[in-house]
Amino acid sequence: MNPLVAVAAATATAAAAPPTEQAAGLSINFFWVIVAALNFLLFLAIIWRFGFDPIAKILAQRKARIDQGLADAEQARKDRDTGVAERDRVVAEARREANTLIATAQKSGQELCDADIAATREELARLHERATADIQAERDRALADLRAQVADLALAVAGKLVGETMTGARQRRLVEEYLHDRDATGEGRKN
C-alpha cells in the first residue's frame, strides 16, 4: 500500500473518532507524532529524489566546468608567458638584424661616399691636367704669335736701319736663329 494513502486513511479515522475526555493539559498524541514524522520522511525523500539529486548533479557539473576553466586559464597563462618570452626573443633578434643592416648600410654608404669623393678627386685632377695643358698650349700659341709679331717688327726696324730690304725667307731664318740662341742661353722664358 502507498504510504500516502495509509497516512490519509489514518488521519481520516482519527478525525472520525469521537473525542474523548482528556485532561485539560498538554498531551502528546504519539500517533500524530509518528504520522508527522512519516510525512516529514516522505517529503524529505521526495525532495531528495527530485530536488537535491538534480541540484547535486548540476553543482557537480558546475564544479567540473569551473575546474576545467581554471585549468584552461592556467594553461592560457603559461601559453601567454611562453608567447611573451617568444615575442621578446623575436623582437631582440629583429633588433640585432636591424642593427646589422643599419651598420652594413652605413658602411656601404660610407664606401659609396668615399668612392664618389675619390672619383670626384680623379675628375678634378684630370680637369686640372687638361686645363693646365690647355693653358700651356694657349701660352705656347700666344708666344708663337708674339714671336712672329716681334720678328716682323724687328725685321722692319732692321730693314730701316740697314737700308736694304731683306727677303722673307732670309728674314725668317735670321729671326729663328736669334730666338733659338736666346732660348738656349736661358734669356727667353723668365716667367
Protein backbone atom coordinates (compact mmCIF):
# COMPACT_ATOMS: atom_id res chain seq x y z
CA MET A 1 0.00 0.00 0.00
CA ASN A 2 1.11 3.50 -0.76
CA PRO A 3 2.36 5.36 2.32
CA LEU A 4 0.44 8.46 1.38
CA VAL A 5 -2.79 6.55 1.21
CA ALA A 6 -2.04 4.95 4.57
CA VAL A 7 -1.35 8.31 6.17
CA ALA A 8 -4.50 9.79 4.67
CA ALA A 9 -6.58 6.83 5.94
CA ALA A 10 -5.14 7.09 9.40
CA THR A 11 -5.86 10.76 9.52
CA ALA A 12 -9.43 10.21 8.44
CA THR A 13 -10.07 7.57 11.10
CA ALA A 14 -8.55 9.70 13.79
CA ALA A 15 -10.69 12.64 12.79
CA ALA A 16 -13.79 10.49 12.75
CA ALA A 17 -13.23 9.06 16.21
CA PRO A 18 -15.27 10.66 18.94
CA PRO A 19 -13.45 13.00 21.18
CA THR A 20 -12.57 11.54 24.48
CA GLU A 21 -12.30 13.45 27.57
CA GLN A 22 -8.84 14.03 28.49
CA ALA A 23 -7.16 16.12 30.89
CA ALA A 24 -7.08 19.77 30.02
CA GLY A 25 -3.34 19.90 29.99
CA LEU A 26 -0.76 19.33 27.40
CA SER A 27 -0.86 15.86 25.98
CA ILE A 28 1.20 14.18 23.32
CA ASN A 29 -0.55 12.02 20.80
CA PHE A 30 2.08 9.55 19.58
CA PHE A 31 0.00 8.60 16.59
CA TRP A 32 0.21 12.12 15.20
CA VAL A 33 3.88 12.37 16.04
CA ILE A 34 4.52 9.21 14.03
CA VAL A 35 2.31 10.43 11.19
CA ALA A 36 4.13 13.80 11.15
CA ALA A 37 7.49 12.01 11.22
CA LEU A 38 6.44 9.75 8.36
CA ASN A 39 5.16 12.78 6.42
CA PHE A 40 8.46 14.54 7.05
CA LEU A 41 10.45 11.49 5.94
CA LEU A 42 8.26 11.06 2.86
CA PHE A 43 8.56 14.74 2.00
CA LEU A 44 12.34 14.55 2.59
CA ALA A 45 12.62 11.51 0.26
CA ILE A 46 10.61 13.25 -2.46
CA ILE A 47 12.66 16.45 -2.09
CA TRP A 48 15.88 14.43 -2.07
CA ARG A 49 14.88 12.47 -5.18
CA PHE A 50 13.53 15.35 -7.26
CA GLY A 51 15.32 18.34 -5.71
CA PHE A 52 18.64 17.54 -4.10
CA ASP A 53 19.88 14.92 -6.61
CA PRO A 54 19.43 17.18 -9.69
CA ILE A 55 20.87 20.12 -7.78
CA ALA A 56 23.82 17.97 -6.68
CA LYS A 57 24.36 16.85 -10.28
CA ILE A 58 24.15 20.45 -11.52
CA LEU A 59 26.61 21.54 -8.81
CA ALA A 60 28.97 18.67 -9.72
CA GLN A 61 28.80 19.67 -13.40
CA ARG A 62 29.36 23.31 -12.50
CA LYS A 63 32.33 22.34 -10.29
CA ALA A 64 33.77 20.29 -13.17
CA ARG A 65 33.32 23.24 -15.56
CA ILE A 66 34.92 25.64 -13.07
CA ASP A 67 37.83 23.23 -12.53
CA GLN A 68 38.22 22.90 -16.31
CA GLY A 69 38.02 26.69 -16.68
CA LEU A 70 40.70 27.14 -14.02
CA ALA A 71 42.90 24.54 -15.75
CA ASP A 72 42.32 26.28 -19.10
CA ALA A 73 43.12 29.65 -17.54
CA GLU A 74 46.35 28.28 -16.05
CA GLN A 75 47.29 26.80 -19.42
CA ALA A 76 46.45 30.10 -21.14
CA ARG A 77 48.63 31.95 -18.61
CA LYS A 78 51.50 29.55 -19.30
CA ASP A 79 50.95 29.93 -23.05
CA ARG A 80 50.83 33.72 -22.67
CA ASP A 81 54.09 33.71 -20.69
CA THR A 82 55.65 31.48 -23.32
CA GLY A 83 54.31 33.77 -26.06
CA VAL A 84 55.68 36.86 -24.28
CA ALA A 85 59.08 35.21 -23.96
CA GLU A 86 58.98 34.17 -27.62
CA ARG A 87 57.89 37.68 -28.67
CA ASP A 88 60.73 39.21 -26.65
CA ARG A 89 63.19 36.80 -28.25
CA VAL A 90 61.89 37.60 -31.75
CA VAL A 91 61.99 41.35 -31.05
CA ALA A 92 65.56 41.08 -29.76
CA GLU A 93 66.54 39.07 -32.85
CA ALA A 94 64.84 41.61 -35.12
CA ARG A 95 66.69 44.44 -33.37
CA ARG A 96 70.01 42.62 -33.83
CA GLU A 97 69.23 42.11 -37.52
CA ALA A 98 68.13 45.73 -37.88
CA ASN A 99 71.34 46.95 -36.22
CA THR A 100 73.36 44.68 -38.51
CA LEU A 101 71.51 46.02 -41.57
CA ILE A 102 71.98 49.60 -40.39
CA ALA A 103 75.70 49.02 -39.82
CA THR A 104 76.01 47.39 -43.24
CA ALA A 105 74.07 50.23 -44.88
CA GLN A 106 76.21 52.83 -43.13
CA LYS A 107 79.37 51.01 -44.18
CA SER A 108 78.11 50.74 -47.76
CA GLY A 109 77.07 54.38 -47.71
CA GLN A 110 80.49 55.42 -46.41
CA GLU A 111 82.22 53.29 -49.06
CA LEU A 112 80.00 54.79 -51.75
CA CYS A 113 80.70 58.28 -50.43
CA ASP A 114 84.44 57.55 -50.36
CA ALA A 115 84.24 56.16 -53.92
CA ASP A 116 82.35 59.27 -55.06
CA ILE A 117 84.92 61.52 -53.39
CA ALA A 118 87.76 59.57 -55.00
CA ALA A 119 86.06 59.74 -58.41
CA THR A 120 85.47 63.47 -57.95
CA ARG A 121 89.10 63.98 -57.00
CA GLU A 122 90.22 62.00 -60.03
CA GLU A 123 87.90 64.07 -62.23
CA LEU A 124 89.27 67.27 -60.70
CA ALA A 125 92.85 66.10 -61.25
CA ARG A 126 92.04 65.18 -64.85
CA LEU A 127 90.33 68.53 -65.40
CA HIS A 128 93.28 70.29 -63.79
CA GLU A 129 95.71 68.47 -66.05
CA ARG A 130 93.60 69.25 -69.12
CA ALA A 131 93.26 72.90 -68.07
CA THR A 132 97.00 73.06 -67.46
CA ALA A 133 97.65 71.53 -70.89
CA ASP A 134 95.16 73.94 -72.48
CA ILE A 135 96.80 76.87 -70.71
CA GLN A 136 100.24 75.70 -71.80
CA ALA A 137 99.08 75.25 -75.40
CA GLU A 138 97.44 78.69 -75.36
CA ARG A 139 100.59 80.17 -73.84
CA ASP A 140 102.75 78.50 -76.48
CA ARG A 141 100.43 79.75 -79.24
CA ALA A 142 100.43 83.25 -77.76
CA LEU A 143 104.23 83.17 -77.54
CA ALA A 144 104.48 81.97 -81.13
CA ASP A 145 102.18 84.80 -82.23
CA LEU A 146 104.18 87.23 -80.15
CA ARG A 147 107.45 85.95 -81.61
CA ALA A 148 106.08 86.31 -85.12
CA GLN A 149 104.99 89.89 -84.40
CA VAL A 150 108.30 90.69 -82.71
CA ALA A 151 110.19 89.16 -85.63
CA ASP A 152 108.17 91.20 -88.09
CA LEU A 153 108.82 94.39 -86.10
CA ALA A 154 112.49 93.57 -85.68
CA LEU A 155 112.90 92.92 -89.37
CA ALA A 156 111.11 96.10 -90.22
CA VAL A 157 113.34 98.07 -87.84
CA ALA A 158 116.47 96.26 -89.07
CA GLY A 159 115.48 96.88 -92.65
CA LYS A 160 115.18 100.57 -91.97
CA LEU A 161 118.49 100.61 -90.17
CA VAL A 162 120.38 98.64 -92.77
CA GLY A 163 118.69 100.33 -95.57
CA GLU A 164 118.05 97.33 -97.63
CA THR A 165 115.15 95.05 -97.73
CA MET A 166 115.66 91.51 -96.93
CA THR A 167 113.81 88.65 -98.46
CA GLY A 168 111.14 86.94 -96.47
CA ALA A 169 112.98 83.62 -96.26
CA ARG A 170 116.20 85.23 -95.14
CA GLN A 171 114.41 87.32 -92.54
CA ARG A 172 112.63 84.35 -91.09
CA ARG A 173 115.89 82.37 -90.85
CA LEU A 174 117.66 85.18 -89.01
CA VAL A 175 114.79 85.63 -86.52
CA GLU A 176 114.59 81.90 -85.90
CA GLU A 177 118.34 81.73 -85.22
CA TYR A 178 118.12 84.68 -82.83
CA LEU A 179 115.18 83.21 -80.86
CA HIS A 180 116.83 79.81 -80.78
CA ASP A 181 120.08 81.29 -79.43
CA ARG A 182 118.12 83.22 -76.87
CA ASP A 183 116.19 80.13 -75.68
CA ALA A 184 119.42 78.13 -75.50
CA THR A 185 121.14 80.72 -73.29
CA GLY A 186 118.11 80.92 -70.93
CA GLU A 187 117.25 84.51 -71.62
CA GLY A 188 113.94 83.63 -73.26
CA ARG A 189 111.43 82.44 -70.67
CA LYS A 190 111.68 84.13 -67.35
CA ASN A 191 108.10 83.89 -66.00
